Amino acid sequence: MVGSGRKSEKTIHHQFDPSDDSVTLETVLNMIENLRKKHPDREVFFDGDEYSICSRPKHGKHGAHRRS
């Protein structure tokens, strides 16, 4: 991450081949749902830049509020 000032805690769980037409939105959403169930302590998301399903640790209640 640029400008974050700390090492990224992102984990890549699955990277897709952008030219693979067999990958559907349903496939991606099912993989995300399964990873969320398997790792409830992590925020699971699709990273469009890396064409991958990733996760990072969820922050506690205090970390959810950001200062402007």
N, C-alpha and C. Protein backbone atom coordinates (compact mmCIF):
# COMPACT_ATOMS: atom_id res chain seq x y z
N MET A 1 0.84 -1.19 0.00
CA MET A 1 0.00 0.00 0.00
C MET A 1 0.87 1.24 0.00
N VAL A 2 0.57 2.15 -0.83
CA VAL A 2 1.35 3.37 -0.89
C VAL A 2 0.84 4.34 0.17
N GLY A 3 1.75 4.88 0.95
CA GLY A 3 1.39 5.87 1.94
C GLY A 3 0.80 5.33 3.23
N SER A 4 0.72 4.03 3.39
CA SER A 4 0.12 3.50 4.61
C SER A 4 1.08 3.55 5.78
N GLY A 5 2.39 3.55 5.50
CA GLY A 5 3.38 3.65 6.56
C GLY A 5 3.59 2.36 7.32
N ARG A 6 2.99 1.26 6.90
CA ARG A 6 3.20 -0.02 7.57
C ARG A 6 3.14 -1.14 6.54
N LYS A 7 3.65 -2.27 6.93
CA LYS A 7 3.68 -3.43 6.06
C LYS A 7 2.26 -3.95 5.84
N SER A 8 1.94 -4.31 4.62
CA SER A 8 0.62 -4.82 4.29
C SER A 8 0.37 -6.16 4.99
N GLU A 9 -0.83 -6.33 5.52
CA GLU A 9 -1.21 -7.58 6.18
C GLU A 9 -2.11 -8.41 5.27
N LYS A 10 -2.14 -8.07 3.99
CA LYS A 10 -3.00 -8.76 3.03
C LYS A 10 -2.45 -10.14 2.68
N THR A 11 -3.36 -11.12 2.64
CA THR A 11 -3.02 -12.48 2.23
C THR A 11 -3.78 -12.78 0.95
N ILE A 12 -3.10 -13.31 -0.07
CA ILE A 12 -3.75 -13.72 -1.30
C ILE A 12 -4.11 -15.20 -1.16
N HIS A 13 -5.41 -15.49 -1.28
CA HIS A 13 -5.88 -16.86 -1.14
C HIS A 13 -5.99 -17.56 -2.49
N HIS A 14 -6.40 -16.81 -3.50
CA HIS A 14 -6.54 -17.41 -4.83
C HIS A 14 -6.36 -16.31 -5.88
N GLN A 15 -5.51 -16.56 -6.85
CA GLN A 15 -5.31 -15.61 -7.94
C GLN A 15 -5.85 -16.23 -9.22
N PHE A 16 -6.65 -15.45 -9.95
CA PHE A 16 -7.28 -15.92 -11.17
C PHE A 16 -6.48 -15.49 -12.40
N ASP A 17 -6.62 -16.26 -13.45
CA ASP A 17 -6.06 -15.90 -14.75
C ASP A 17 -7.10 -15.01 -15.44
N PRO A 18 -6.77 -13.76 -15.71
CA PRO A 18 -7.75 -12.84 -16.32
C PRO A 18 -8.29 -13.32 -17.67
N SER A 19 -7.56 -14.19 -18.35
CA SER A 19 -8.01 -14.67 -19.66
C SER A 19 -8.84 -15.95 -19.57
N ASP A 20 -9.08 -16.45 -18.35
CA ASP A 20 -9.85 -17.68 -18.16
C ASP A 20 -11.35 -17.35 -18.16
N ASP A 21 -12.01 -17.66 -19.26
CA ASP A 21 -13.44 -17.36 -19.39
C ASP A 21 -14.34 -18.29 -18.59
N SER A 22 -13.78 -19.34 -18.00
CA SER A 22 -14.60 -20.28 -17.24
C SER A 22 -14.92 -19.76 -15.83
N VAL A 23 -14.21 -18.74 -15.38
CA VAL A 23 -14.45 -18.18 -14.04
C VAL A 23 -15.67 -17.27 -14.11
N THR A 24 -16.67 -17.59 -13.28
CA THR A 24 -17.90 -16.79 -13.26
C THR A 24 -17.96 -15.96 -11.98
N LEU A 25 -18.84 -15.00 -11.98
CA LEU A 25 -19.07 -14.19 -10.78
C LEU A 25 -19.55 -15.08 -9.64
N GLU A 26 -20.39 -16.05 -9.96
CA GLU A 26 -20.88 -16.98 -8.93
C GLU A 26 -19.71 -17.75 -8.30
N THR A 27 -18.75 -18.17 -9.11
CA THR A 27 -17.57 -18.87 -8.60
C THR A 27 -16.82 -18.00 -7.61
N VAL A 28 -16.58 -16.76 -7.99
CA VAL A 28 -15.83 -15.83 -7.14
C VAL A 28 -16.58 -15.57 -5.84
N LEU A 29 -17.88 -15.32 -5.93
CA LEU A 29 -18.67 -15.03 -4.73
C LEU A 29 -18.74 -16.23 -3.80
N ASN A 30 -18.84 -17.43 -4.36
CA ASN A 30 -18.85 -18.64 -3.52
C ASN A 30 -17.52 -18.82 -2.80
N MET A 31 -16.43 -18.56 -3.50
CA MET A 31 -15.11 -18.67 -2.87
C MET A 31 -14.97 -17.65 -1.74
N ILE A 32 -15.44 -16.44 -1.97
CA ILE A 32 -15.38 -15.40 -0.93
C ILE A 32 -16.22 -15.81 0.27
N GLU A 33 -17.43 -16.30 0.02
CA GLU A 33 -18.31 -16.73 1.12
C GLU A 33 -17.67 -17.85 1.94
N ASN A 34 -17.08 -18.83 1.26
CA ASN A 34 -16.44 -19.95 1.96
C ASN A 34 -15.25 -19.47 2.79
N LEU A 35 -14.46 -18.56 2.25
CA LEU A 35 -13.32 -18.03 3.00
C LEU A 35 -13.77 -17.20 4.20
N ARG A 36 -14.87 -16.46 4.06
CA ARG A 36 -15.41 -15.69 5.20
C ARG A 36 -15.85 -16.62 6.33
N LYS A 37 -16.43 -17.75 5.97
CA LYS A 37 -16.85 -18.73 6.99
C LYS A 37 -15.63 -19.38 7.64
N LYS A 38 -14.62 -19.67 6.84
CA LYS A 38 -13.41 -20.32 7.34
C LYS A 38 -12.55 -19.38 8.17
N HIS A 39 -12.58 -18.09 7.85
CA HIS A 39 -11.75 -17.09 8.53
C HIS A 39 -12.61 -15.91 9.01
N PRO A 40 -13.44 -16.12 10.05
CA PRO A 40 -14.34 -15.04 10.50
C PRO A 40 -13.60 -13.82 11.07
N ASP A 41 -12.33 -13.99 11.40
CA ASP A 41 -11.55 -12.89 11.95
C ASP A 41 -10.87 -12.05 10.87
N ARG A 42 -11.15 -12.37 9.59
CA ARG A 42 -10.52 -11.67 8.49
C ARG A 42 -11.56 -11.03 7.56
N GLU A 43 -11.21 -9.90 6.98
CA GLU A 43 -12.01 -9.25 5.96
C GLU A 43 -11.59 -9.86 4.62
N VAL A 44 -12.52 -10.52 3.93
CA VAL A 44 -12.23 -11.18 2.66
C VAL A 44 -12.79 -10.31 1.54
N PHE A 45 -12.00 -10.12 0.48
CA PHE A 45 -12.40 -9.22 -0.60
C PHE A 45 -11.74 -9.63 -1.91
N PHE A 46 -12.29 -9.12 -3.02
CA PHE A 46 -11.70 -9.33 -4.33
C PHE A 46 -10.83 -8.13 -4.66
N ASP A 47 -9.59 -8.37 -5.00
CA ASP A 47 -8.65 -7.32 -5.38
C ASP A 47 -8.58 -7.31 -6.90
N GLY A 48 -9.20 -6.31 -7.51
CA GLY A 48 -9.25 -6.22 -8.96
C GLY A 48 -7.90 -5.94 -9.60
N ASP A 49 -7.02 -5.27 -8.89
CA ASP A 49 -5.69 -4.99 -9.44
C ASP A 49 -4.88 -6.27 -9.59
N GLU A 50 -5.01 -7.17 -8.62
CA GLU A 50 -4.25 -8.42 -8.65
C GLU A 50 -5.10 -9.58 -9.17
N TYR A 51 -6.37 -9.31 -9.46
CA TYR A 51 -7.30 -10.33 -9.94
C TYR A 51 -7.27 -11.54 -9.01
N SER A 52 -7.48 -11.25 -7.73
CA SER A 52 -7.35 -12.29 -6.72
C SER A 52 -8.32 -12.08 -5.57
N ILE A 53 -8.56 -13.16 -4.83
CA ILE A 53 -9.34 -13.09 -3.60
C ILE A 53 -8.33 -13.00 -2.47
N CYS A 54 -8.49 -11.98 -1.66
CA CYS A 54 -7.53 -11.68 -0.59
C CYS A 54 -8.26 -11.52 0.73
N SER A 55 -7.47 -11.44 1.79
CA SER A 55 -8.03 -11.12 3.10
C SER A 55 -7.00 -10.35 3.91
N ARG A 56 -7.50 -9.70 4.93
CA ARG A 56 -6.64 -9.00 5.90
C ARG A 56 -7.35 -9.06 7.24
N PRO A 57 -6.60 -8.95 8.33
CA PRO A 57 -7.23 -9.02 9.65
C PRO A 57 -8.28 -7.92 9.83
N LYS A 58 -9.39 -8.29 10.46
CA LYS A 58 -10.39 -7.28 10.81
C LYS A 58 -9.85 -6.50 11.99
N HIS A 59 -10.17 -5.22 12.02
CA HIS A 59 -9.76 -4.38 13.14
C HIS A 59 -10.87 -4.35 14.17
N GLY A 60 -10.51 -4.17 15.42
CA GLY A 60 -11.49 -4.10 16.49
C GLY A 60 -12.40 -2.89 16.34
N LYS A 61 -13.33 -2.75 17.27
CA LYS A 61 -14.28 -1.64 17.22
C LYS A 61 -13.60 -0.30 17.13
N HIS A 62 -12.51 -0.13 17.86
CA HIS A 62 -11.82 1.16 17.87
C HIS A 62 -11.11 1.43 16.55
N GLY A 63 -10.68 0.39 15.87
CA GLY A 63 -9.99 0.57 14.60
C GLY A 63 -10.92 0.86 13.44
N ALA A 64 -12.23 0.62 13.65
CA ALA A 64 -13.20 0.84 12.58
C ALA A 64 -13.48 2.31 12.35
N HIS A 65 -13.24 3.14 13.36
CA HIS A 65 -13.50 4.56 13.24
C HIS A 65 -12.22 5.28 12.87
N ARG A 66 -12.26 5.93 11.73
CA ARG A 66 -11.06 6.62 11.28
C ARG A 66 -11.22 8.12 11.48
N ARG A 67 -10.11 8.74 11.79
CA ARG A 67 -10.14 10.19 11.97
C ARG A 67 -10.04 10.88 10.63
N SER A 68 -10.73 11.98 10.50
CA SER A 68 -10.69 12.75 9.25
C SER A 68 -9.53 13.69 9.22
